[in-house]
C-alpha cells in the first residue's frame, strides 16, 4: 500500500497597496475535491489567524484540497487568466469559494463575470460564503445557483447609476 504524504505549501506574498497572499498547495490527492478561495484582505493578524483556521476546518470537513487562496480587493487580469487556465486543464471540477464582501465591490465585476462564465461552462462550481466567528456559512438558496453573471450585471448597473448620479449633481 502506498501513502501519499502532502508536501508543505508554497506561499507567495505580493506587497503594495493591494495585498495579495497566494497559497499554492501541492498535494494533489486523488480522493479530494479542489477549491480556490477568494477573500478580502484583513489587516488584523488575530482575525487573519482565525479566518485561516475556519478555512482549514471547512476544507477538512468537506474533503477539499486548497489550490489557491487569493486575498485581494481588486483582481488583475493575470490572476483571472491563471484561474481560467487552471480550470480548463483540471481533471475534476474546481470549486470557487467567494467571500460575500467581494460582491459589493465594483472592482470585482470582472471577477464575478469570469466566475459566472466558468460556472455556465461547467468548469467550476461556485459558492458564496459569509464568515462568522464560529464557522463559514454558505449562501445556499439565497442566490439561485450563485449566479455570478447576475451579480456582475447588478454591480455594473449600480456602479454606472452611482457614477451618473454624481455627474448630474447640481446646486439648485
N, C-alpha and C. Protein backbone atom coordinates (compact mmCIF):
# COMPACT_ATOMS: atom_id res chain seq x y z
N UNK A 1 0.85 -1.17 0.00
CA UNK A 1 0.00 0.00 0.00
C UNK A 1 0.89 1.24 0.00
N UNK A 2 0.54 2.21 -0.81
CA UNK A 2 1.31 3.44 -0.92
C UNK A 2 0.50 4.57 -0.32
N UNK A 3 1.15 5.36 0.53
CA UNK A 3 0.51 6.53 1.13
C UNK A 3 1.12 7.78 0.53
N UNK A 4 0.27 8.68 0.09
CA UNK A 4 0.75 9.95 -0.43
C UNK A 4 0.77 10.96 0.71
N UNK A 5 1.92 11.46 1.02
CA UNK A 5 2.03 12.45 2.07
C UNK A 5 2.01 13.84 1.45
N UNK A 6 1.23 14.75 2.02
CA UNK A 6 1.17 16.09 1.45
C UNK A 6 2.48 16.83 1.65
N UNK A 7 2.85 17.58 0.63
CA UNK A 7 4.03 18.43 0.73
C UNK A 7 3.61 19.76 1.34
N UNK A 8 4.55 20.46 1.97
CA UNK A 8 4.18 21.76 2.54
C UNK A 8 3.81 22.74 1.44
N UNK A 9 2.95 23.72 1.76
CA UNK A 9 2.52 24.66 0.74
C UNK A 9 3.61 25.66 0.39
N UNK A 10 3.53 26.15 -0.83
CA UNK A 10 4.36 27.27 -1.23
C UNK A 10 3.53 28.52 -1.00
N UNK A 11 4.08 29.51 -0.34
CA UNK A 11 3.36 30.74 -0.09
C UNK A 11 4.09 31.87 -0.78
N UNK A 12 3.37 32.63 -1.57
CA UNK A 12 3.95 33.75 -2.29
C UNK A 12 3.25 35.01 -1.82
N UNK A 13 3.99 36.02 -1.40
CA UNK A 13 3.40 37.27 -0.96
C UNK A 13 3.75 38.38 -1.94
N UNK A 14 2.77 39.14 -2.32
CA UNK A 14 2.97 40.30 -3.17
C UNK A 14 2.63 41.52 -2.34
N UNK A 15 3.53 42.47 -2.24
CA UNK A 15 3.28 43.67 -1.43
C UNK A 15 2.57 44.73 -2.23
N UNK A 16 2.48 45.91 -1.66
CA UNK A 16 1.84 47.04 -2.32
C UNK A 16 0.56 47.41 -1.62
N UNK A 17 -0.16 48.36 -2.22
CA UNK A 17 -1.37 48.84 -1.58
C UNK A 17 -2.47 47.78 -1.57
N UNK A 18 -2.50 46.95 -2.56
CA UNK A 18 -3.48 45.85 -2.60
C UNK A 18 -2.75 44.57 -2.26
N UNK A 19 -2.80 44.16 -1.02
CA UNK A 19 -2.05 42.99 -0.55
C UNK A 19 -2.65 41.72 -1.13
N UNK A 20 -1.79 40.86 -1.60
CA UNK A 20 -2.22 39.57 -2.14
C UNK A 20 -1.41 38.48 -1.51
N UNK A 21 -2.07 37.52 -0.94
CA UNK A 21 -1.41 36.33 -0.43
C UNK A 21 -1.92 35.17 -1.27
N UNK A 22 -1.02 34.49 -1.91
CA UNK A 22 -1.40 33.39 -2.78
C UNK A 22 -0.75 32.13 -2.25
N UNK A 23 -1.54 31.18 -1.82
CA UNK A 23 -1.03 29.93 -1.29
C UNK A 23 -1.34 28.83 -2.29
N UNK A 24 -0.32 28.10 -2.68
CA UNK A 24 -0.50 27.00 -3.63
C UNK A 24 -0.17 25.70 -2.90
N UNK A 25 -1.16 24.84 -2.78
CA UNK A 25 -0.96 23.55 -2.12
C UNK A 25 -0.60 22.54 -3.20
N UNK A 26 0.47 21.80 -2.97
CA UNK A 26 0.94 20.89 -3.99
C UNK A 26 0.48 19.45 -3.80
N UNK A 27 -0.22 19.16 -2.73
CA UNK A 27 -0.64 17.78 -2.54
C UNK A 27 -1.92 17.53 -3.32
N UNK A 28 -1.77 17.05 -4.52
CA UNK A 28 -2.92 16.76 -5.37
C UNK A 28 -3.41 15.34 -5.09
N UNK A 29 -4.01 15.16 -3.96
CA UNK A 29 -4.52 13.86 -3.58
C UNK A 29 -5.70 13.52 -4.48
N UNK A 30 -5.74 12.31 -5.03
CA UNK A 30 -6.80 11.97 -5.98
C UNK A 30 -8.19 11.88 -5.35
N UNK A 31 -8.29 11.68 -4.05
CA UNK A 31 -9.59 11.49 -3.42
C UNK A 31 -10.17 12.78 -2.85
N UNK A 32 -9.58 13.92 -3.14
CA UNK A 32 -10.11 15.17 -2.62
C UNK A 32 -10.61 16.05 -3.75
N UNK A 33 -11.56 16.91 -3.39
CA UNK A 33 -12.05 17.90 -4.33
C UNK A 33 -11.12 19.11 -4.24
N UNK A 34 -11.09 19.92 -5.27
CA UNK A 34 -10.18 21.05 -5.30
C UNK A 34 -10.96 22.35 -5.15
N UNK A 35 -10.33 23.33 -4.47
CA UNK A 35 -11.01 24.59 -4.19
C UNK A 35 -10.04 25.75 -4.35
N UNK A 36 -10.56 26.86 -4.85
CA UNK A 36 -9.85 28.14 -4.91
C UNK A 36 -10.69 29.11 -4.10
N UNK A 37 -10.05 29.83 -3.19
CA UNK A 37 -10.78 30.69 -2.25
C UNK A 37 -10.42 32.15 -2.50
N UNK A 38 -11.44 33.00 -2.65
CA UNK A 38 -11.27 34.43 -2.86
C UNK A 38 -11.70 35.16 -1.60
N UNK A 39 -10.81 35.98 -1.05
CA UNK A 39 -11.05 36.67 0.21
C UNK A 39 -10.72 38.15 0.10
N UNK A 40 -11.29 38.94 1.00
CA UNK A 40 -10.86 40.33 1.14
C UNK A 40 -9.70 40.35 2.13
N UNK A 41 -8.75 41.28 1.97
CA UNK A 41 -7.62 41.34 2.89
C UNK A 41 -8.05 41.80 4.28
N UNK A 42 -7.41 41.25 5.27
CA UNK A 42 -7.61 41.67 6.66
C UNK A 42 -6.30 42.25 7.18
N UNK A 43 -6.38 43.32 7.94
CA UNK A 43 -5.16 43.93 8.46
C UNK A 43 -4.82 43.41 9.86
N UNK A 44 -5.79 42.91 10.57
CA UNK A 44 -5.59 42.44 11.93
C UNK A 44 -5.09 40.99 11.91
N UNK A 45 -3.93 40.75 12.50
CA UNK A 45 -3.34 39.40 12.46
C UNK A 45 -4.18 38.38 13.22
N UNK A 46 -4.85 38.80 14.27
CA UNK A 46 -5.70 37.88 15.03
C UNK A 46 -6.87 37.41 14.16
N UNK A 47 -7.49 38.34 13.43
CA UNK A 47 -8.59 37.97 12.54
C UNK A 47 -8.11 37.10 11.38
N UNK A 48 -6.91 37.40 10.87
CA UNK A 48 -6.35 36.59 9.78
C UNK A 48 -6.13 35.16 10.24
N UNK A 49 -5.60 35.00 11.46
CA UNK A 49 -5.34 33.66 12.00
C UNK A 49 -6.66 32.91 12.19
N UNK A 50 -7.67 33.58 12.71
CA UNK A 50 -8.97 32.95 12.94
C UNK A 50 -9.61 32.52 11.62
N UNK A 51 -9.52 33.40 10.62
CA UNK A 51 -10.09 33.06 9.31
C UNK A 51 -9.36 31.87 8.70
N UNK A 52 -8.05 31.82 8.85
CA UNK A 52 -7.27 30.70 8.33
C UNK A 52 -7.72 29.39 8.98
N UNK A 53 -7.97 29.42 10.29
CA UNK A 53 -8.45 28.23 11.00
C UNK A 53 -9.82 27.80 10.47
N UNK A 54 -10.72 28.78 10.26
CA UNK A 54 -12.05 28.46 9.75
C UNK A 54 -11.98 27.82 8.36
N UNK A 55 -11.12 28.37 7.51
CA UNK A 55 -10.98 27.83 6.15
C UNK A 55 -10.39 26.43 6.20
N UNK A 56 -9.37 26.24 7.01
CA UNK A 56 -8.75 24.92 7.14
C UNK A 56 -9.77 23.89 7.63
N UNK A 57 -10.54 24.24 8.64
CA UNK A 57 -11.56 23.32 9.17
C UNK A 57 -12.64 23.03 8.13
N UNK A 58 -13.07 24.05 7.40
CA UNK A 58 -14.08 23.86 6.36
C UNK A 58 -13.58 22.90 5.29
N UNK A 59 -12.34 23.10 4.85
CA UNK A 59 -11.77 22.25 3.79
C UNK A 59 -11.58 20.81 4.27
N UNK A 60 -11.18 20.63 5.51
CA UNK A 60 -11.06 19.27 6.05
C UNK A 60 -12.42 18.60 6.15
N UNK A 61 -13.42 19.36 6.63
CA UNK A 61 -14.75 18.81 6.81
C UNK A 61 -15.36 18.34 5.49
N UNK A 62 -15.14 19.10 4.42
CA UNK A 62 -15.75 18.78 3.13
C UNK A 62 -14.77 18.16 2.14
N UNK A 63 -13.60 17.73 2.63
CA UNK A 63 -12.62 16.99 1.84
C UNK A 63 -12.11 17.79 0.63
N UNK A 64 -11.76 19.06 0.86
CA UNK A 64 -11.22 19.92 -0.19
C UNK A 64 -9.71 20.02 -0.07
N UNK A 65 -9.04 20.04 -1.21
CA UNK A 65 -7.63 20.39 -1.29
C UNK A 65 -7.57 21.83 -1.78
N UNK A 66 -6.89 22.68 -1.05
CA UNK A 66 -6.80 24.09 -1.42
C UNK A 66 -5.77 24.26 -2.53
N UNK A 67 -6.22 24.73 -3.68
CA UNK A 67 -5.30 25.04 -4.77
C UNK A 67 -4.70 26.42 -4.59
N UNK A 68 -5.55 27.39 -4.28
CA UNK A 68 -5.09 28.77 -4.09
C UNK A 68 -5.99 29.48 -3.10
N UNK A 69 -5.39 30.38 -2.36
CA UNK A 69 -6.14 31.34 -1.56
C UNK A 69 -5.71 32.71 -2.06
N UNK A 70 -6.65 33.45 -2.61
CA UNK A 70 -6.34 34.76 -3.16
C UNK A 70 -7.01 35.80 -2.27
N UNK A 71 -6.20 36.64 -1.67
CA UNK A 71 -6.67 37.63 -0.71
C UNK A 71 -6.40 39.01 -1.29
N UNK A 72 -7.46 39.63 -1.82
CA UNK A 72 -7.27 40.88 -2.55
C UNK A 72 -8.59 41.62 -2.70
N UNK A 73 -8.53 42.94 -2.87
CA UNK A 73 -9.74 43.72 -3.14
C UNK A 73 -10.01 43.88 -4.62
N UNK A 74 -8.95 43.97 -5.42
CA UNK A 74 -9.11 44.08 -6.87
C UNK A 74 -8.33 42.94 -7.52
N UNK A 75 -8.78 42.51 -8.67
CA UNK A 75 -8.19 41.35 -9.32
C UNK A 75 -7.64 41.74 -10.68
N UNK A 76 -6.32 41.57 -10.83
CA UNK A 76 -5.70 41.84 -12.13
C UNK A 76 -6.07 40.73 -13.10
N UNK A 77 -5.94 41.05 -14.37
CA UNK A 77 -6.29 40.08 -15.40
C UNK A 77 -5.41 38.84 -15.33
N UNK A 78 -4.16 38.99 -14.88
CA UNK A 78 -3.26 37.83 -14.82
C UNK A 78 -3.79 36.78 -13.85
N UNK A 79 -4.36 37.21 -12.73
CA UNK A 79 -4.94 36.27 -11.77
C UNK A 79 -6.12 35.53 -12.41
N UNK A 80 -6.94 36.28 -13.13
CA UNK A 80 -8.11 35.67 -13.76
C UNK A 80 -7.71 34.75 -14.92
N UNK A 81 -6.67 35.12 -15.67
CA UNK A 81 -6.17 34.23 -16.72
C UNK A 81 -5.66 32.92 -16.12
N UNK A 82 -4.92 33.03 -15.01
CA UNK A 82 -4.44 31.82 -14.33
C UNK A 82 -5.61 30.94 -13.88
N UNK A 83 -6.66 31.57 -13.37
CA UNK A 83 -7.85 30.83 -12.94
C UNK A 83 -8.47 30.09 -14.12
N UNK A 84 -8.62 30.76 -15.24
CA UNK A 84 -9.21 30.13 -16.43
C UNK A 84 -8.33 28.97 -16.90
N UNK A 85 -7.02 29.19 -16.98
CA UNK A 85 -6.11 28.12 -17.42
C UNK A 85 -6.14 26.93 -16.48
N UNK A 86 -6.18 27.20 -15.18
CA UNK A 86 -6.18 26.11 -14.21
C UNK A 86 -7.48 25.31 -14.29
N UNK A 87 -8.60 25.97 -14.50
CA UNK A 87 -9.87 25.24 -14.54
C UNK A 87 -10.04 24.46 -15.84
N UNK A 88 -9.56 25.00 -16.95
CA UNK A 88 -9.74 24.27 -18.21
C UNK A 88 -8.83 23.05 -18.29
N UNK A 89 -7.71 23.06 -17.55
CA UNK A 89 -6.79 21.93 -17.56
C UNK A 89 -7.06 20.93 -16.43
N UNK A 90 -8.01 21.23 -15.56
CA UNK A 90 -8.26 20.36 -14.41
C UNK A 90 -8.98 19.09 -14.83
N UNK A 91 -8.65 18.00 -14.14
CA UNK A 91 -9.31 16.72 -14.43
C UNK A 91 -10.65 16.62 -13.72
N UNK A 92 -10.84 17.40 -12.66
CA UNK A 92 -12.11 17.43 -11.94
C UNK A 92 -12.59 18.88 -11.85
N UNK A 93 -13.85 19.04 -11.50
CA UNK A 93 -14.40 20.37 -11.35
C UNK A 93 -13.83 21.03 -10.09
N UNK A 94 -13.45 22.27 -10.23
CA UNK A 94 -12.89 23.05 -9.12
C UNK A 94 -14.01 23.89 -8.52
N UNK A 95 -14.01 24.05 -7.21
CA UNK A 95 -14.98 24.91 -6.54
C UNK A 95 -14.34 26.26 -6.26
N UNK A 96 -15.05 27.33 -6.58
CA UNK A 96 -14.61 28.68 -6.25
C UNK A 96 -15.45 29.14 -5.06
N UNK A 97 -14.79 29.40 -3.94
CA UNK A 97 -15.45 29.86 -2.72
C UNK A 97 -15.15 31.34 -2.59
N UNK A 98 -16.18 32.18 -2.63
CA UNK A 98 -16.01 33.63 -2.69
C UNK A 98 -16.63 34.27 -1.46
N UNK A 99 -15.87 35.14 -0.81
CA UNK A 99 -16.38 35.88 0.34
C UNK A 99 -17.43 36.88 -0.13
N UNK A 100 -18.53 36.99 0.61
CA UNK A 100 -19.63 37.85 0.19
C UNK A 100 -19.25 39.33 0.11
N UNK A 101 -18.25 39.76 0.87
CA UNK A 101 -17.85 41.17 0.83
C UNK A 101 -17.29 41.56 -0.54
N UNK A 102 -16.77 40.61 -1.28
CA UNK A 102 -16.25 40.91 -2.62
C UNK A 102 -17.37 41.25 -3.60
N UNK A 103 -18.58 40.79 -3.33
CA UNK A 103 -19.69 41.01 -4.25
C UNK A 103 -20.19 42.44 -4.21
N UNK A 104 -19.92 43.15 -3.14
CA UNK A 104 -20.35 44.54 -3.00
C UNK A 104 -19.30 45.52 -3.50
N UNK A 105 -18.27 45.01 -4.11
CA UNK A 105 -17.15 45.84 -4.54
C UNK A 105 -17.19 45.98 -6.06
N UNK A 106 -17.28 47.23 -6.58
CA UNK A 106 -17.32 47.40 -8.04
C UNK A 106 -16.06 46.89 -8.73
N UNK A 107 -14.95 46.78 -7.99
CA UNK A 107 -13.71 46.27 -8.58
C UNK A 107 -13.78 44.77 -8.85
N UNK A 108 -14.82 44.11 -8.35
CA UNK A 108 -14.95 42.66 -8.54
C UNK A 108 -15.89 42.29 -9.68
N UNK A 109 -16.32 43.27 -10.47
CA UNK A 109 -17.26 42.99 -11.57
C UNK A 109 -16.66 41.98 -12.55
N UNK A 110 -15.41 42.17 -12.91
CA UNK A 110 -14.79 41.25 -13.87
C UNK A 110 -14.60 39.87 -13.23
N UNK A 111 -14.23 39.83 -11.94
CA UNK A 111 -14.10 38.55 -11.25
C UNK A 111 -15.42 37.79 -11.29
N UNK A 112 -16.52 38.44 -10.93
CA UNK A 112 -17.80 37.75 -10.90
C UNK A 112 -18.24 37.34 -12.31
N UNK A 113 -17.88 38.12 -13.32
CA UNK A 113 -18.19 37.75 -14.70
C UNK A 113 -17.43 36.50 -15.12
N UNK A 114 -16.15 36.46 -14.79
CA UNK A 114 -15.33 35.28 -15.13
C UNK A 114 -15.85 34.05 -14.40
N UNK A 115 -16.13 34.18 -13.10
CA UNK A 115 -16.65 33.04 -12.34
C UNK A 115 -17.99 32.57 -12.89
N UNK A 116 -18.87 33.52 -13.25
CA UNK A 116 -20.17 33.16 -13.82
C UNK A 116 -20.03 32.43 -15.13
N UNK A 117 -19.11 32.87 -15.97
CA UNK A 117 -18.89 32.21 -17.26
C UNK A 117 -18.33 30.81 -17.07
N UNK A 118 -17.33 30.67 -16.19
CA UNK A 118 -16.76 29.35 -15.92
C UNK A 118 -17.80 28.40 -15.34
N UNK A 119 -18.70 28.93 -14.51
CA UNK A 119 -19.77 28.11 -13.94
C UNK A 119 -20.73 27.63 -15.05
N UNK A 120 -21.12 28.54 -15.94
CA UNK A 120 -22.03 28.16 -17.02
C UNK A 120 -21.40 27.14 -17.97
N UNK A 121 -20.08 27.19 -18.13
CA UNK A 121 -19.38 26.22 -18.97
C UNK A 121 -19.18 24.88 -18.27
N UNK A 122 -19.51 24.81 -16.99
CA UNK A 122 -19.36 23.57 -16.23
C UNK A 122 -17.93 23.30 -15.78
N UNK A 123 -17.09 24.33 -15.80
CA UNK A 123 -15.69 24.14 -15.40
C UNK A 123 -15.47 24.32 -13.90
N UNK A 124 -16.37 25.06 -13.24
CA UNK A 124 -16.24 25.25 -11.79
C UNK A 124 -17.62 25.16 -11.15
N UNK A 125 -17.60 24.88 -9.86
CA UNK A 125 -18.77 25.07 -9.00
C UNK A 125 -18.50 26.35 -8.23
N UNK A 126 -19.55 27.05 -7.84
CA UNK A 126 -19.35 28.30 -7.10
C UNK A 126 -20.12 28.26 -5.79
N UNK A 127 -19.54 28.89 -4.80
CA UNK A 127 -20.18 29.04 -3.50
C UNK A 127 -19.85 30.43 -2.97
N UNK A 128 -20.82 31.07 -2.37
CA UNK A 128 -20.62 32.36 -1.70
C UNK A 128 -20.74 32.09 -0.22
N UNK A 129 -19.84 32.68 0.56
CA UNK A 129 -19.91 32.45 1.99
C UNK A 129 -19.79 33.74 2.77
N UNK A 130 -20.33 33.69 3.98
CA UNK A 130 -20.19 34.77 4.94
C UNK A 130 -19.50 34.19 6.15
N UNK A 131 -18.44 34.84 6.56
CA UNK A 131 -17.67 34.35 7.69
C UNK A 131 -18.30 34.84 8.99
N UNK A 132 -18.49 33.94 9.91
CA UNK A 132 -18.83 34.32 11.27
C UNK A 132 -17.63 33.93 12.12
N UNK A 133 -17.70 34.19 13.40
CA UNK A 133 -16.56 33.85 14.24
C UNK A 133 -16.48 32.36 14.57
N UNK A 134 -17.56 31.62 14.27
CA UNK A 134 -17.57 30.19 14.57
C UNK A 134 -17.45 29.30 13.35
N UNK A 135 -17.91 29.79 12.19
CA UNK A 135 -17.96 28.92 11.02
C UNK A 135 -18.01 29.72 9.73
N UNK A 136 -17.88 29.00 8.63
CA UNK A 136 -18.09 29.57 7.31
C UNK A 136 -19.51 29.20 6.90
N UNK A 137 -20.35 30.21 6.66
CA UNK A 137 -21.75 29.97 6.31
C UNK A 137 -21.94 30.18 4.81
N UNK A 138 -22.44 29.15 4.14
CA UNK A 138 -22.70 29.25 2.71
C UNK A 138 -24.07 29.87 2.48
N UNK A 139 -24.18 30.62 1.40
CA UNK A 139 -25.45 31.22 1.00
C UNK A 139 -26.19 30.24 0.10
N UNK A 140 -26.71 29.20 0.63
CA UNK A 140 -27.47 28.23 -0.16
C UNK A 140 -28.91 28.70 -0.26
N UNK A 141 -29.41 28.81 -1.48
CA UNK A 141 -30.80 29.17 -1.68
C UNK A 141 -31.08 30.65 -1.71
N UNK A 142 -30.18 31.48 -1.24
CA UNK A 142 -30.43 32.92 -1.26
C UNK A 142 -30.23 33.46 -2.66
N UNK A 143 -29.13 33.09 -3.27
CA UNK A 143 -28.86 33.47 -4.65
C UNK A 143 -28.97 32.19 -5.47
N UNK A 144 -29.91 32.18 -6.39
CA UNK A 144 -30.19 30.96 -7.15
C UNK A 144 -28.93 30.51 -7.88
N UNK A 145 -28.46 29.34 -7.53
CA UNK A 145 -27.27 28.73 -8.13
C UNK A 145 -26.05 29.66 -8.08
N UNK A 146 -26.03 30.58 -7.12
CA UNK A 146 -24.90 31.52 -7.02
C UNK A 146 -24.59 32.13 -8.38
N UNK A 147 -25.57 32.75 -8.97
CA UNK A 147 -25.50 33.29 -10.33
C UNK A 147 -24.59 34.51 -10.38
N UNK A 148 -23.32 34.26 -10.64
CA UNK A 148 -22.33 35.33 -10.63
C UNK A 148 -22.51 36.29 -11.81
N UNK A 149 -23.09 35.85 -12.92
CA UNK A 149 -23.33 36.77 -14.02
C UNK A 149 -24.39 37.80 -13.64
N UNK A 150 -25.43 37.39 -12.93
CA UNK A 150 -26.43 38.34 -12.45
C UNK A 150 -25.82 39.30 -11.43
N UNK A 151 -24.94 38.78 -10.59
CA UNK A 151 -24.27 39.63 -9.60
C UNK A 151 -23.41 40.66 -10.32
N UNK A 152 -22.68 40.24 -11.35
CA UNK A 152 -21.84 41.16 -12.11
C UNK A 152 -22.69 42.22 -12.81
N UNK A 153 -23.81 41.81 -13.40
CA UNK A 153 -24.68 42.76 -14.09
C UNK A 153 -25.25 43.78 -13.12
N UNK A 154 -25.69 43.31 -11.94
CA UNK A 154 -26.22 44.23 -10.94
C UNK A 154 -25.14 45.19 -10.46
N UNK A 155 -23.93 44.68 -10.21
CA UNK A 155 -22.83 45.54 -9.75
C UNK A 155 -22.49 46.59 -10.79
N UNK A 156 -22.47 46.19 -12.05
CA UNK A 156 -22.17 47.14 -13.13
C UNK A 156 -23.26 48.20 -13.22
N UNK A 157 -24.52 47.78 -13.17
CA UNK A 157 -25.64 48.73 -13.23
C UNK A 157 -25.57 49.70 -12.05
N UNK A 158 -25.35 49.18 -10.85
CA UNK A 158 -25.29 50.02 -9.66
C UNK A 158 -24.12 51.00 -9.75
N UNK A 159 -22.97 50.54 -10.22
CA UNK A 159 -21.80 51.41 -10.36
C UNK A 159 -22.06 52.51 -11.38
N UNK A 160 -22.65 52.16 -12.52
CA UNK A 160 -22.95 53.16 -13.54
C UNK A 160 -23.98 54.17 -13.06
N UNK A 161 -25.00 53.71 -12.34
CA UNK A 161 -26.01 54.62 -11.81
C UNK A 161 -25.39 55.56 -10.77
N UNK A 162 -24.52 55.05 -9.93
CA UNK A 162 -23.85 55.89 -8.93
C UNK A 162 -22.99 56.94 -9.61
N UNK A 163 -22.29 56.53 -10.65
CA UNK A 163 -21.44 57.45 -11.40
C UNK A 163 -22.28 58.52 -12.09
N UNK A 164 -23.41 58.09 -12.68
CA UNK A 164 -24.29 59.02 -13.37
C UNK A 164 -24.86 60.04 -12.39
N UNK A 165 -25.29 59.59 -11.22
CA UNK A 165 -25.85 60.49 -10.22
C UNK A 165 -24.83 61.51 -9.74
N UNK A 166 -23.58 61.10 -9.60
CA UNK A 166 -22.54 62.03 -9.15
C UNK A 166 -22.27 63.10 -10.20
N UNK A 167 -22.31 62.75 -11.46
CA UNK A 167 -22.01 63.70 -12.53
C UNK A 167 -23.18 64.61 -12.87
N UNK A 168 -24.39 64.22 -12.54
CA UNK A 168 -25.56 65.05 -12.81
C UNK A 168 -25.96 65.89 -11.61
N UNK A 169 -25.15 65.89 -10.59
CA UNK A 169 -25.46 66.64 -9.38
C UNK A 169 -25.39 68.13 -9.68
N UNK A 170 -26.41 68.87 -9.27
CA UNK A 170 -26.41 70.33 -9.49
C UNK A 170 -26.76 71.04 -8.20
N UNK A 171 -26.29 72.24 -8.07
CA UNK A 171 -26.57 73.07 -6.90
C UNK A 171 -27.73 73.99 -7.24
N UNK A 172 -28.95 73.55 -7.03
CA UNK A 172 -30.12 74.37 -7.36
C UNK A 172 -30.72 74.95 -6.12
